[in-house]
Amino acid sequence: MKIIWSPLAIDRASEIVDYISQDKPSAAEKWIDTVFSKVEQLKSSPEIGRIVPEIKNEQFREIIYGNYRIIYRIEKKQISILTIRHGMQILPVKEILE
């Protein structure tokens, strides 16, 4: 399966890396490497994540990594990474359903 990152997911990952790197650049690098590693696992096990509680649709799932939610959609021939959010943030469902 192919993995596609949405522009929103790329922006969110970049913002998080920038924030973490203010205090610890090495931690930011480790964080993003682990995110990419976890996303790569979806190629062989796309249903590894739990169903997003706010949406309750089996297509929309999330992997929890530390304090962050990596939200993705399973499609026929690809997995779309939709966004990454801190677990304490409210998930604007419209943002990922558009």
C-alpha atoms as a PDB file:
ATOM      1  CA  MET A   1       0.000   0.000   0.000  1.00  0.00           C
ATOM      2  CA  LYS A   2       1.100   3.517  -0.757  1.00  0.00           C
ATOM      3  CA  ILE A   3       1.243   6.204   1.956  1.00  0.00           C
ATOM      4  CA  ILE A   4       0.280   9.777   1.105  1.00  0.00           C
ATOM      5  CA  TRP A   5       0.837  12.684   3.513  1.00  0.00           C
ATOM      6  CA  SER A   6      -1.682  15.522   3.300  1.00  0.00           C
ATOM      7  CA  PRO A   7      -0.339  19.086   3.293  1.00  0.00           C
ATOM      8  CA  LEU A   8      -2.016  19.566   6.691  1.00  0.00           C
ATOM      9  CA  ALA A   9      -0.215  16.543   8.180  1.00  0.00           C
ATOM     10  CA  ILE A  10       3.114  17.769   6.842  1.00  0.00           C
ATOM     11  CA  ASP A  11       2.473  21.243   8.293  1.00  0.00           C
ATOM     12  CA  ARG A  12       1.495  19.831  11.693  1.00  0.00           C
ATOM     13  CA  ALA A  13       4.547  17.544  11.843  1.00  0.00           C
ATOM     14  CA  SER A  14       6.786  20.463  10.925  1.00  0.00           C
ATOM     15  CA  GLU A  15       5.228  22.692  13.609  1.00  0.00           C
ATOM     16  CA  ILE A  16       5.711  19.995  16.247  1.00  0.00           C
ATOM     17  CA  VAL A  17       9.336  19.406  15.238  1.00  0.00           C
ATOM     18  CA  ASP A  18      10.005  23.166  15.359  1.00  0.00           C
ATOM     19  CA  TYR A  19       8.476  23.364  18.825  1.00  0.00           C
ATOM     20  CA  ILE A  20      10.402  20.387  20.222  1.00  0.00           C
ATOM     21  CA  SER A  21      13.677  21.562  18.670  1.00  0.00           C
ATOM     22  CA  GLN A  22      13.515  24.862  20.556  1.00  0.00           C
ATOM     23  CA  ASP A  23      14.567  22.959  23.666  1.00  0.00           C
ATOM     24  CA  LYS A  24      16.177  19.817  22.268  1.00  0.00           C
ATOM     25  CA  PRO A  25      17.015  19.449  18.570  1.00  0.00           C
ATOM     26  CA  SER A  26      18.054  15.816  19.031  1.00  0.00           C
ATOM     27  CA  ALA A  27      14.672  14.997  20.600  1.00  0.00           C
ATOM     28  CA  ALA A  28      12.904  16.612  17.653  1.00  0.00           C
ATOM     29  CA  GLU A  29      14.884  14.488  15.223  1.00  0.00           C
ATOM     30  CA  LYS A  30      14.118  11.327  17.205  1.00  0.00           C
ATOM     31  CA  TRP A  31      10.426  12.274  17.365  1.00  0.00           C
ATOM     32  CA  ILE A  32      10.021  12.717  13.608  1.00  0.00           C
ATOM     33  CA  ASP A  33      12.042   9.573  12.849  1.00  0.00           C
ATOM     34  CA  THR A  34       9.732   7.578  15.111  1.00  0.00           C
ATOM     35  CA  VAL A  35       6.622   9.122  13.526  1.00  0.00           C
ATOM     36  CA  PHE A  36       7.821   8.077  10.056  1.00  0.00           C
ATOM     37  CA  SER A  37       8.662   4.609  11.381  1.00  0.00           C
ATOM     38  CA  LYS A  38       5.197   4.164  12.881  1.00  0.00           C
ATOM     39  CA  VAL A  39       3.533   5.381   9.690  1.00  0.00           C
ATOM     40  CA  GLU A  40       5.613   2.929   7.624  1.00  0.00           C
ATOM     41  CA  GLN A  41       4.123   0.077   9.686  1.00  0.00           C
ATOM     42  CA  LEU A  42       0.725   0.956   8.225  1.00  0.00           C
ATOM     43  CA  LYS A  43       1.794  -0.409   4.830  1.00  0.00           C
ATOM     44  CA  SER A  44       1.624  -3.961   6.144  1.00  0.00           C
ATOM     45  CA  SER A  45      -0.938  -3.449   8.938  1.00  0.00           C
ATOM     46  CA  PRO A  46      -3.260  -0.573   8.038  1.00  0.00           C
ATOM     47  CA  GLU A  47      -5.812  -1.456  10.713  1.00  0.00           C
ATOM     48  CA  ILE A  48      -3.235  -1.318  13.532  1.00  0.00           C
ATOM     49  CA  GLY A  49      -4.622   2.006  14.773  1.00  0.00           C
ATOM     50  CA  ARG A  50      -7.807   2.474  16.702  1.00  0.00           C
ATOM     51  CA  ILE A  51     -10.926   3.989  15.145  1.00  0.00           C
ATOM     52  CA  VAL A  52     -11.000   7.772  15.693  1.00  0.00           C
ATOM     53  CA  PRO A  53     -13.599   8.222  18.470  1.00  0.00           C
ATOM     54  CA  GLU A  54     -14.878  11.561  17.134  1.00  0.00           C
ATOM     55  CA  ILE A  55     -15.687  10.067  13.717  1.00  0.00           C
ATOM     56  CA  LYS A  56     -16.636   6.423  14.488  1.00  0.00           C
ATOM     57  CA  ASN A  57     -15.910   5.246  10.945  1.00  0.00           C
ATOM     58  CA  GLU A  58     -13.591   2.260  10.378  1.00  0.00           C
ATOM     59  CA  GLN A  59     -11.817   4.099   7.544  1.00  0.00           C
ATOM     60  CA  PHE A  60     -10.550   6.802   9.931  1.00  0.00           C
ATOM     61  CA  ARG A  61      -7.966   5.553  12.401  1.00  0.00           C
ATOM     62  CA  GLU A  62      -5.219   6.855  14.610  1.00  0.00           C
ATOM     63  CA  ILE A  63      -1.921   5.757  16.044  1.00  0.00           C
ATOM     64  CA  ILE A  64      -1.027   7.197  19.416  1.00  0.00           C
ATOM     65  CA  TYR A  65       2.626   8.154  19.839  1.00  0.00           C
ATOM     66  CA  GLY A  66       3.455   9.785  23.159  1.00  0.00           C
ATOM     67  CA  ASN A  67       1.117  12.758  23.498  1.00  0.00           C
ATOM     68  CA  TYR A  68       0.246  12.835  19.791  1.00  0.00           C
ATOM     69  CA  ARG A  69      -2.409  11.343  17.558  1.00  0.00           C
ATOM     70  CA  ILE A  70      -1.414  10.430  14.007  1.00  0.00           C
ATOM     71  CA  ILE A  71      -4.739  10.384  12.194  1.00  0.00           C
ATOM     72  CA  TYR A  72      -5.119   8.556   8.887  1.00  0.00           C
ATOM     73  CA  ARG A  73      -7.686   7.189   6.452  1.00  0.00           C
ATOM     74  CA  ILE A  74      -7.557   3.736   4.893  1.00  0.00           C
ATOM     75  CA  GLU A  75      -8.489   3.791   1.222  1.00  0.00           C
ATOM     76  CA  LYS A  76      -8.478   1.053  -1.431  1.00  0.00           C
ATOM     77  CA  LYS A  77      -4.936   1.549  -2.719  1.00  0.00           C
ATOM     78  CA  GLN A  78      -3.448   3.997  -0.259  1.00  0.00           C
ATOM     79  CA  ILE A  79      -3.287   5.243   3.286  1.00  0.00           C
ATOM     80  CA  SER A  80      -3.698   8.986   3.692  1.00  0.00           C
ATOM     81  CA  ILE A  81      -2.048  10.618   6.701  1.00  0.00           C
ATOM     82  CA  LEU A  82      -4.526  13.385   7.466  1.00  0.00           C
ATOM     83  CA  THR A  83      -3.118  15.224  10.473  1.00  0.00           C
ATOM     84  CA  ILE A  84      -1.115  14.974  13.669  1.00  0.00           C
ATOM     85  CA  ARG A  85      -2.583  16.494  16.812  1.00  0.00           C
ATOM     86  CA  HIS A  86      -1.594  16.754  20.439  1.00  0.00           C
ATOM     87  CA  GLY A  87      -3.896  14.522  22.462  1.00  0.00           C
ATOM     88  CA  MET A  88      -5.092  17.470  24.572  1.00  0.00           C
ATOM     89  CA  GLN A  89      -6.236  19.447  21.512  1.00  0.00           C
ATOM     90  CA  ILE A  90      -9.785  19.264  20.277  1.00  0.00           C
ATOM     91  CA  LEU A  91      -9.875  17.525  16.910  1.00  0.00           C
ATOM     92  CA  PRO A  92     -11.665  19.735  14.358  1.00  0.00           C
ATOM     93  CA  VAL A  93     -13.411  16.922  12.483  1.00  0.00           C
ATOM     94  CA  LYS A  94     -14.255  19.203   9.511  1.00  0.00           C
ATOM     95  CA  GLU A  95     -10.528  19.716   9.027  1.00  0.00           C
ATOM     96  CA  ILE A  96      -9.942  16.062   8.157  1.00  0.00           C
ATOM     97  CA  LEU A  97     -13.226  15.191   6.472  1.00  0.00           C
ATOM     98  CA  GLU A  98     -12.848  17.801   3.710  1.00  0.00           C
END
